[in-house]
C-alpha atoms as a PDB file:
ATOM      1  CA  MET A   1      -3.232   0.579  23.461  1.00  0.00           C
ATOM      2  CA  SER A   2      -0.604   3.066  22.789  1.00  0.00           C
ATOM      3  CA  PHE A   3       1.295   3.219  19.373  1.00  0.00           C
ATOM      4  CA  THR A   4       4.858   4.700  18.450  1.00  0.00           C
ATOM      5  CA  ARG A   5       5.047   8.183  16.853  1.00  0.00           C
ATOM      6  CA  TYR A   6       7.941   8.698  14.369  1.00  0.00           C
ATOM      7  CA  SER A   7       9.308  12.169  14.691  1.00  0.00           C
ATOM      8  CA  SER A   8      11.608  11.632  11.669  1.00  0.00           C
ATOM      9  CA  LEU A   9       8.315  11.572   9.460  1.00  0.00           C
ATOM     10  CA  ASN A  10       7.390  15.054  10.617  1.00  0.00           C
ATOM     11  CA  GLY A  11       7.355  17.423   7.617  1.00  0.00           C
ATOM     12  CA  ARG A  12       8.391  14.635   5.123  1.00  0.00           C
ATOM     13  CA  THR A  13       6.332  14.400   1.904  1.00  0.00           C
ATOM     14  CA  VAL A  14       4.662  11.037   1.506  1.00  0.00           C
ATOM     15  CA  VAL A  15       2.900   9.627  -1.490  1.00  0.00           C
ATOM     16  CA  ILE A  16       0.217   6.876  -1.232  1.00  0.00           C
ATOM     17  CA  THR A  17      -1.746   5.334  -4.062  1.00  0.00           C
ATOM     18  CA  GLY A  18      -5.375   4.076  -3.397  1.00  0.00           C
ATOM     19  CA  GLY A  19      -5.688   5.997  -0.166  1.00  0.00           C
ATOM     20  CA  ALA A  20      -9.262   6.843  -0.182  1.00  0.00           C
ATOM     21  CA  SER A  21     -10.731   3.694   1.590  1.00  0.00           C
ATOM     22  CA  GLY A  22      -9.630   0.543   3.342  1.00  0.00           C
ATOM     23  CA  ILE A  23      -6.060  -0.040   4.324  1.00  0.00           C
ATOM     24  CA  GLY A  24      -5.069   2.872   2.033  1.00  0.00           C
ATOM     25  CA  ALA A  25      -7.145   5.230   4.285  1.00  0.00           C
ATOM     26  CA  ALA A  26      -5.375   3.844   7.426  1.00  0.00           C
ATOM     27  CA  PHE A  27      -2.159   4.714   5.660  1.00  0.00           C
ATOM     28  CA  VAL A  28      -3.131   8.271   5.097  1.00  0.00           C
ATOM     29  CA  ARG A  29      -4.367   8.679   8.622  1.00  0.00           C
ATOM     30  CA  GLY A  30      -1.210   7.324  10.169  1.00  0.00           C
ATOM     31  CA  PHE A  31       1.128   9.403   8.137  1.00  0.00           C
ATOM     32  CA  VAL A  32      -0.867  12.530   8.778  1.00  0.00           C
ATOM     33  CA  GLU A  33      -0.930  11.977  12.409  1.00  0.00           C
ATOM     34  CA  ASN A  34       2.803  11.544  12.443  1.00  0.00           C
ATOM     35  CA  GLY A  35       3.076  14.964  10.881  1.00  0.00           C
ATOM     36  CA  ALA A  36       3.840  14.029   7.366  1.00  0.00           C
ATOM     37  CA  LYS A  37       2.790  16.173   4.330  1.00  0.00           C
ATOM     38  CA  VAL A  38       0.599  13.443   2.757  1.00  0.00           C
ATOM     39  CA  ALA A  39      -0.606  13.060  -0.809  1.00  0.00           C
ATOM     40  CA  PHE A  40      -2.818  10.352  -1.916  1.00  0.00           C
ATOM     41  CA  LEU A  41      -4.007   9.287  -5.274  1.00  0.00           C
ATOM     42  CA  ASP A  42      -7.367   7.536  -5.891  1.00  0.00           C
ATOM     43  CA  LEU A  43     -10.160   7.219  -8.370  1.00  0.00           C
ATOM     44  CA  GLN A  44     -12.930   7.625  -5.572  1.00  0.00           C
ATOM     45  CA  GLN A  45     -13.730  11.186  -5.701  1.00  0.00           C
ATOM     46  CA  ASP A  46     -16.253  11.361  -2.831  1.00  0.00           C
ATOM     47  CA  ALA A  47     -14.372   9.157  -0.506  1.00  0.00           C
ATOM     48  CA  GLY A  48     -10.961  10.784  -1.048  1.00  0.00           C
ATOM     49  CA  THR A  49     -12.440  14.160  -0.601  1.00  0.00           C
ATOM     50  CA  ALA A  50     -14.355  13.204   2.523  1.00  0.00           C
ATOM     51  CA  LEU A  51     -11.084  11.684   4.036  1.00  0.00           C
ATOM     52  CA  ALA A  52      -9.044  14.708   3.178  1.00  0.00           C
ATOM     53  CA  ASP A  53     -11.625  17.116   4.794  1.00  0.00           C
ATOM     54  CA  ALA A  54     -12.044  15.014   7.823  1.00  0.00           C
ATOM     55  CA  LEU A  55      -8.388  14.844   8.685  1.00  0.00           C
ATOM     56  CA  GLY A  56      -7.938  18.592   7.779  1.00  0.00           C
ATOM     57  CA  ARG A  57     -10.026  19.396  10.852  1.00  0.00           C
ATOM     58  CA  ASP A  58      -7.350  18.171  13.287  1.00  0.00           C
ATOM     59  CA  PHE A  59      -4.196  17.855  11.252  1.00  0.00           C
ATOM     60  CA  VAL A  60      -2.371  19.487   8.295  1.00  0.00           C
ATOM     61  CA  LYS A  61      -4.916  18.526   5.453  1.00  0.00           C
ATOM     62  CA  PRO A  62      -3.622  15.841   3.048  1.00  0.00           C
ATOM     63  CA  LEU A  63      -3.646  16.566  -0.636  1.00  0.00           C
ATOM     64  CA  PHE A  64      -6.217  14.324  -2.546  1.00  0.00           C
ATOM     65  CA  VAL A  65      -5.595  13.984  -6.283  1.00  0.00           C
ATOM     66  CA  ARG A  66      -8.157  11.985  -8.327  1.00  0.00           C
ATOM     67  CA  CYS A  67      -6.306   9.679 -10.706  1.00  0.00           C
ATOM     68  CA  ASP A  68      -6.916   6.482 -12.534  1.00  0.00           C
ATOM     69  CA  LEU A  69      -3.767   4.758 -11.767  1.00  0.00           C
ATOM     70  CA  MET A  70      -4.254   2.359 -14.787  1.00  0.00           C
ATOM     71  CA  ASP A  71      -3.614   5.415 -17.060  1.00  0.00           C
ATOM     72  CA  ILE A  72       0.083   5.857 -16.772  1.00  0.00           C
ATOM     73  CA  ALA A  73       0.171   9.209 -18.426  1.00  0.00           C
ATOM     74  CA  ALA A  74      -2.404  10.489 -15.897  1.00  0.00           C
ATOM     75  CA  LEU A  75      -0.508   8.969 -12.977  1.00  0.00           C
ATOM     76  CA  ARG A  76       2.646  10.765 -14.030  1.00  0.00           C
ATOM     77  CA  ALA A  77       0.872  13.987 -14.319  1.00  0.00           C
ATOM     78  CA  ALA A  78      -0.729  13.534 -10.829  1.00  0.00           C
ATOM     79  CA  LEU A  79       2.664  12.945  -9.484  1.00  0.00           C
ATOM     80  CA  VAL A  80       4.077  16.196 -11.178  1.00  0.00           C
ATOM     81  CA  THR A  81       1.187  17.938  -9.357  1.00  0.00           C
ATOM     82  CA  VAL A  82       2.031  16.427  -6.121  1.00  0.00           C
ATOM     83  CA  ARG A  83       5.745  17.259  -6.478  1.00  0.00           C
ATOM     84  CA  ALA A  84       4.866  21.006  -7.119  1.00  0.00           C
ATOM     85  CA  ALA A  85       2.694  21.137  -4.150  1.00  0.00           C
ATOM     86  CA  LEU A  86       4.571  19.409  -1.519  1.00  0.00           C
ATOM     87  CA  GLY A  87       8.201  18.887  -2.758  1.00  0.00           C
ATOM     88  CA  PRO A  88      10.157  15.725  -3.218  1.00  0.00           C
ATOM     89  CA  ALA A  89       8.789  12.589  -1.847  1.00  0.00           C
ATOM     90  CA  ALA A  90      10.710  10.905   1.023  1.00  0.00           C
ATOM     91  CA  ALA A  91       8.332   7.994   1.178  1.00  0.00           C
ATOM     92  CA  LEU A  92       5.932   6.089  -1.323  1.00  0.00           C
ATOM     93  CA  VAL A  93       3.364   3.557  -0.344  1.00  0.00           C
ATOM     94  CA  ASN A  94       2.407   1.618  -3.353  1.00  0.00           C
ATOM     95  CA  ASN A  95      -1.001   0.283  -1.919  1.00  0.00           C
ATOM     96  CA  ALA A  96      -3.502   0.434  -4.654  1.00  0.00           C
ATOM     97  CA  ALA A  97      -4.952  -2.929  -5.738  1.00  0.00           C
ATOM     98  CA  ASN A  98      -8.246  -5.030  -6.311  1.00  0.00           C
ATOM     99  CA  ASP A  99      -8.371  -8.623  -5.377  1.00  0.00           C
ATOM    100  CA  GLN A 100     -11.106  -9.657  -7.946  1.00  0.00           C
ATOM    101  CA  ARG A 101     -11.719 -13.266  -7.955  1.00  0.00           C
ATOM    102  CA  TYR A 102     -11.820 -15.056 -11.432  1.00  0.00           C
ATOM    103  CA  ASP A 103     -12.463 -18.682 -12.509  1.00  0.00           C
ATOM    104  CA  PHE A 104      -9.081 -19.983 -13.890  1.00  0.00           C
ATOM    105  CA  ALA A 105     -10.763 -21.755 -16.668  1.00  0.00           C
ATOM    106  CA  ALA A 106     -12.778 -18.801 -17.857  1.00  0.00           C
ATOM    107  CA  ILE A 107     -10.579 -15.731 -17.228  1.00  0.00           C
ATOM    108  CA  THR A 108     -10.188 -13.933 -20.569  1.00  0.00           C
ATOM    109  CA  PRO A 109      -7.042 -11.974 -21.718  1.00  0.00           C
ATOM    110  CA  GLU A 110      -8.727  -8.813 -21.115  1.00  0.00           C
ATOM    111  CA  GLU A 111      -9.677  -9.658 -17.542  1.00  0.00           C
ATOM    112  CA  PHE A 112      -6.084 -10.792 -16.995  1.00  0.00           C
ATOM    113  CA  ASP A 113      -4.500  -7.542 -18.515  1.00  0.00           C
ATOM    114  CA  ARG A 114      -6.839  -5.511 -16.304  1.00  0.00           C
ATOM    115  CA  THR A 115      -5.470  -7.469 -13.219  1.00  0.00           C
ATOM    116  CA  VAL A 116      -1.990  -6.640 -14.256  1.00  0.00           C
ATOM    117  CA  ALA A 117      -2.827  -3.009 -14.647  1.00  0.00           C
ATOM    118  CA  VAL A 118      -4.693  -2.538 -11.440  1.00  0.00           C
ATOM    119  CA  ASN A 119      -2.358  -4.619  -9.279  1.00  0.00           C
ATOM    120  CA  PHE A 120       1.294  -4.284 -10.655  1.00  0.00           C
ATOM    121  CA  ARG A 121       1.830  -1.922 -13.633  1.00  0.00           C
ATOM    122  CA  HIS A 122       1.248   1.243 -11.604  1.00  0.00           C
ATOM    123  CA  VAL A 123       3.400   0.104  -8.886  1.00  0.00           C
ATOM    124  CA  PHE A 124       6.407  -0.238 -11.286  1.00  0.00           C
ATOM    125  CA  PHE A 125       5.728   3.110 -12.885  1.00  0.00           C
ATOM    126  CA  THR A 126       4.986   5.090  -9.691  1.00  0.00           C
ATOM    127  CA  ALA A 127       8.344   3.947  -8.137  1.00  0.00           C
ATOM    128  CA  GLN A 128       9.979   4.807 -11.562  1.00  0.00           C
ATOM    129  CA  ALA A 129       8.505   8.463 -11.204  1.00  0.00           C
ATOM    130  CA  ILE A 130       9.414   8.808  -7.534  1.00  0.00           C
ATOM    131  CA  ALA A 131      12.964   7.346  -7.310  1.00  0.00           C
ATOM    132  CA  PRO A 132      14.518  10.527  -8.993  1.00  0.00           C
ATOM    133  CA  GLN A 133      12.994  12.663  -6.205  1.00  0.00           C
ATOM    134  CA  MET A 134      14.414  10.375  -3.577  1.00  0.00           C
ATOM    135  CA  LYS A 135      17.746  10.538  -5.258  1.00  0.00           C
ATOM    136  CA  GLU A 136      17.573  14.322  -5.067  1.00  0.00           C
ATOM    137  CA  LEU A 137      16.893  14.014  -1.306  1.00  0.00           C
ATOM    138  CA  GLY A 138      19.660  11.496  -0.725  1.00  0.00           C
ATOM    139  CA  PHE A 139      17.336   9.200   0.930  1.00  0.00           C
ATOM    140  CA  GLY A 140      13.846   7.482   0.743  1.00  0.00           C
ATOM    141  CA  SER A 141      11.618   4.519   1.441  1.00  0.00           C
ATOM    142  CA  ILE A 142       9.326   2.739  -1.050  1.00  0.00           C
ATOM    143  CA  ILE A 143       6.763   0.368   0.460  1.00  0.00           C
ATOM    144  CA  ASN A 144       4.995  -1.989  -1.880  1.00  0.00           C
ATOM    145  CA  LEU A 145       1.938  -3.933  -1.004  1.00  0.00           C
ATOM    146  CA  SER A 146       2.075  -7.609  -1.602  1.00  0.00           C
ATOM    147  CA  SER A 147      -0.174 -10.255  -0.069  1.00  0.00           C
ATOM    148  CA  VAL A 148      -0.229 -13.628   1.613  1.00  0.00           C
ATOM    149  CA  SER A 149      -2.336 -14.850  -1.297  1.00  0.00           C
ATOM    150  CA  TRP A 150       0.670 -16.069  -3.318  1.00  0.00           C
ATOM    151  CA  MET A 151       2.138 -17.731  -0.432  1.00  0.00           C
ATOM    152  CA  ARG A 152      -0.926 -19.645   0.665  1.00  0.00           C
ATOM    153  CA  GLY A 153      -2.294 -20.480  -2.817  1.00  0.00           C
ATOM    154  CA  ILE A 154      -5.891 -19.201  -2.639  1.00  0.00           C
ATOM    155  CA  PRO A 155      -8.270 -20.557  -5.390  1.00  0.00           C
ATOM    156  CA  GLN A 156      -9.611 -17.943  -7.874  1.00  0.00           C
ATOM    157  CA  LEU A 157      -6.846 -15.607  -7.032  1.00  0.00           C
ATOM    158  CA  GLU A 158      -4.473 -16.990  -9.656  1.00  0.00           C
ATOM    159  CA  ALA A 159      -4.054 -13.727 -11.447  1.00  0.00           C
ATOM    160  CA  TYR A 160      -3.929 -11.403  -8.509  1.00  0.00           C
ATOM    161  CA  ALA A 161      -1.666 -13.687  -6.628  1.00  0.00           C
ATOM    162  CA  SER A 162       0.713 -13.687  -9.514  1.00  0.00           C
ATOM    163  CA  MET A 163       0.834  -9.951  -9.441  1.00  0.00           C
ATOM    164  CA  LYS A 164       1.371  -9.834  -5.747  1.00  0.00           C
ATOM    165  CA  ALA A 165       4.269 -12.269  -6.072  1.00  0.00           C
ATOM    166  CA  ALA A 166       5.784 -10.178  -8.788  1.00  0.00           C
ATOM    167  CA  ILE A 167       5.749  -7.156  -6.439  1.00  0.00           C
ATOM    168  CA  VAL A 168       8.122  -9.062  -4.113  1.00  0.00           C
ATOM    169  CA  GLY A 169      10.412  -9.735  -7.057  1.00  0.00           C
ATOM    170  CA  PHE A 170      10.268  -6.189  -8.143  1.00  0.00           C
ATOM    171  CA  THR A 171      10.939  -5.146  -4.514  1.00  0.00           C
ATOM    172  CA  SER A 172      13.991  -7.257  -4.250  1.00  0.00           C
ATOM    173  CA  VAL A 173      15.603  -6.042  -7.485  1.00  0.00           C
ATOM    174  CA  LEU A 174      14.663  -2.372  -6.977  1.00  0.00           C
ATOM    175  CA  ALA A 175      16.142  -2.502  -3.457  1.00  0.00           C
ATOM    176  CA  ARG A 176      19.385  -3.636  -4.980  1.00  0.00           C
ATOM    177  CA  SER A 177      19.311  -0.945  -7.768  1.00  0.00           C
ATOM    178  CA  LEU A 178      18.464   1.970  -5.422  1.00  0.00           C
ATOM    179  CA  GLY A 179      20.376   0.975  -2.367  1.00  0.00           C
ATOM    180  CA  PRO A 180      23.475   3.011  -3.362  1.00  0.00           C
ATOM    181  CA  HIS A 181      21.224   6.074  -3.126  1.00  0.00           C
ATOM    182  CA  ARG A 182      20.140   5.153   0.341  1.00  0.00           C
ATOM    183  CA  ILE A 183      16.668   4.482  -0.877  1.00  0.00           C
ATOM    184  CA  ARG A 184      15.184   1.473   0.822  1.00  0.00           C
ATOM    185  CA  VAL A 185      12.642  -0.794  -0.727  1.00  0.00           C
ATOM    186  CA  ASN A 186      10.328  -3.131   1.193  1.00  0.00           C
ATOM    187  CA  ALA A 187       7.182  -4.967   0.760  1.00  0.00           C
ATOM    188  CA  ILE A 188       4.232  -5.744   3.145  1.00  0.00           C
ATOM    189  CA  ALA A 189       2.238  -8.861   2.800  1.00  0.00           C
ATOM    190  CA  PRO A 190      -0.967  -8.401   4.861  1.00  0.00           C
ATOM    191  CA  GLY A 191      -3.045 -11.346   6.050  1.00  0.00           C
ATOM    192  CA  THR A 192      -6.735 -11.384   6.202  1.00  0.00           C
ATOM    193  CA  VAL A 193      -7.594  -7.586   6.911  1.00  0.00           C
ATOM    194  CA  LEU A 194     -11.209  -7.207   7.561  1.00  0.00           C
ATOM    195  CA  THR A 195     -11.896  -4.066   5.610  1.00  0.00           C
ATOM    196  CA  GLU A 196     -15.412  -2.898   4.635  1.00  0.00           C
ATOM    197  CA  ARG A 197     -14.822  -4.331   1.045  1.00  0.00           C
ATOM    198  CA  GLN A 198     -13.644  -7.751   2.523  1.00  0.00           C
ATOM    199  CA  ARG A 199     -16.688  -7.825   4.887  1.00  0.00           C
ATOM    200  CA  THR A 200     -19.129  -7.078   2.034  1.00  0.00           C
ATOM    201  CA  LEU A 201     -17.725  -9.525  -0.432  1.00  0.00           C
ATOM    202  CA  TRP A 202     -16.107 -12.453   1.409  1.00  0.00           C
ATOM    203  CA  PHE A 203     -16.787 -12.305   5.024  1.00  0.00           C
ATOM    204  CA  ARG A 204     -20.363 -11.570   5.297  1.00  0.00           C
ATOM    205  CA  ASP A 205     -21.110 -13.359   8.659  1.00  0.00           C
ATOM    206  CA  GLU A 206     -19.365 -13.983  11.816  1.00  0.00           C
ATOM    207  CA  ALA A 207     -18.773 -17.546  11.072  1.00  0.00           C
ATOM    208  CA  ALA A 208     -16.765 -16.704   8.140  1.00  0.00           C
ATOM    209  CA  VAL A 209     -14.807 -14.220  10.251  1.00  0.00           C
ATOM    210  CA  ALA A 210     -14.274 -16.919  12.957  1.00  0.00           C
ATOM    211  CA  ALA A 211     -12.965 -19.316  10.364  1.00  0.00           C
ATOM    212  CA  ALA A 212     -10.314 -16.989   9.283  1.00  0.00           C
ATOM    213  CA  VAL A 213      -9.365 -16.079  12.749  1.00  0.00           C
ATOM    214  CA  ALA A 214      -9.063 -19.722  13.721  1.00  0.00           C
ATOM    215  CA  GLN A 215      -6.181 -20.096  11.281  1.00  0.00           C
ATOM    216  CA  GLN A 216      -4.103 -17.480  13.020  1.00  0.00           C
ATOM    217  CA  CYS A 217      -1.973 -17.913  16.132  1.00  0.00           C
ATOM    218  CA  LEU A 218      -3.423 -14.628  17.646  1.00  0.00           C
ATOM    219  CA  PRO A 219      -7.038 -14.551  18.271  1.00  0.00           C
ATOM    220  CA  ASP A 220      -7.897 -11.025  17.225  1.00  0.00           C
ATOM    221  CA  THR A 221      -8.882  -9.751  13.734  1.00  0.00           C
ATOM    222  CA  ILE A 222      -6.199  -7.746  11.719  1.00  0.00           C
ATOM    223  CA  ALA A 223      -7.131  -4.155  11.398  1.00  0.00           C
ATOM    224  CA  PRO A 224      -6.000  -1.743   8.541  1.00  0.00           C
ATOM    225  CA  GLU A 225      -4.045   0.122  11.197  1.00  0.00           C
ATOM    226  CA  ASP A 226      -1.915  -2.932  11.923  1.00  0.00           C
ATOM    227  CA  ILE A 227      -0.796  -2.727   8.299  1.00  0.00           C
ATOM    228  CA  ALA A 228      -0.165   1.138   8.511  1.00  0.00           C
ATOM    229  CA  ASN A 229       1.804   0.823  11.715  1.00  0.00           C
ATOM    230  CA  LEU A 230       4.360  -1.375   9.823  1.00  0.00           C
ATOM    231  CA  ALA A 231       4.388   1.087   6.996  1.00  0.00           C
ATOM    232  CA  LEU A 232       5.149   4.032   9.412  1.00  0.00           C
ATOM    233  CA  PHE A 233       8.089   2.084  10.870  1.00  0.00           C
ATOM    234  CA  LEU A 234       9.477   1.213   7.389  1.00  0.00           C
ATOM    235  CA  ALA A 235       9.189   4.842   6.166  1.00  0.00           C
ATOM    236  CA  ALA A 236      10.698   6.250   9.379  1.00  0.00           C
ATOM    237  CA  ASP A 237      14.517   6.587  10.253  1.00  0.00           C
ATOM    238  CA  ASP A 238      14.041   3.745  12.933  1.00  0.00           C
ATOM    239  CA  SER A 239      14.325   1.145   9.952  1.00  0.00           C
ATOM    240  CA  ARG A 240      17.139   2.702   8.164  1.00  0.00           C
ATOM    241  CA  MET A 241      19.031  -0.504   7.588  1.00  0.00           C
ATOM    242  CA  ILE A 242      16.102  -2.458   6.660  1.00  0.00           C
ATOM    243  CA  THR A 243      15.527  -3.099   2.880  1.00  0.00           C
ATOM    244  CA  LYS A 244      14.875  -5.790   0.373  1.00  0.00           C
ATOM    245  CA  GLN A 245      12.379  -7.549   2.654  1.00  0.00           C
ATOM    246  CA  CYS A 246       8.859  -8.764   2.539  1.00  0.00           C
ATOM    247  CA  LEU A 247       7.316  -8.527   5.863  1.00  0.00           C
ATOM    248  CA  SER A 248       4.010 -10.222   6.704  1.00  0.00           C
ATOM    249  CA  VAL A 249       1.392  -8.962   9.084  1.00  0.00           C
ATOM    250  CA  ASN A 250      -0.744 -12.020   9.267  1.00  0.00           C
ATOM    251  CA  ALA A 251      -1.235 -12.894  13.030  1.00  0.00           C
ATOM    252  CA  GLY A 252       0.610 -16.074  12.517  1.00  0.00           C
ATOM    253  CA  THR A 253      -1.749 -17.481   9.944  1.00  0.00           C
ATOM    254  CA  ALA A 254      -1.365 -21.258   9.360  1.00  0.00           C
ATOM    255  CA  GLY A 255       0.253 -22.612   6.176  1.00  0.00           C
ATOM    256  CA  PRO A 256       3.344 -21.195   4.199  1.00  0.00           C
END
């Protein structure tokens, strides 16, 4: 298969949260391959370093900054480091998340607060820190990762799905606030993407994979690169009049 390359991304600074593995790593690879100056923030030191080194052999090496995104002071400091190294960001991909399951009857306030911190709070404050850089440029694209979980109502994801629904609301309001500055804000809601984590925790055998695919209109599994391809489009000039949207990449999954 052949995929589009976006010349408008060449040389632009792109910031990605949670880029060391899974869908995040596909974002990093996609933007690097399109010529962007990429910085990604993640807590996984070994995975982040390995990804940056591997991509640096064939492309401009992305900047990996180790950061605990739940520590807002550390997040802000990391973004200052990125700005100093690469210049103002033209695109932000708010990707980092953790879909930890909890029994609704037993989840504690501490577990709930951690779910908020790892899935939503950093999304809000990363956008807050990056928006002034985009105003300086006179344009920009913020891409927030939501999920189909809040649309479909998946058990044990009450807390996680609530945060992913909140991201859609945040996206809608922020798009209105930043639109006058030609800053676009959109959300992506992935369907069942079979990352290594998903296969390890929830789709451990082919029967589970087949059951997930059977709910789709299309008979193929959704790859991280399928989500990255949409993010590339939303960050590029080709989508210049698309904002305030939540777009789902779910292969036509049955249900709402």
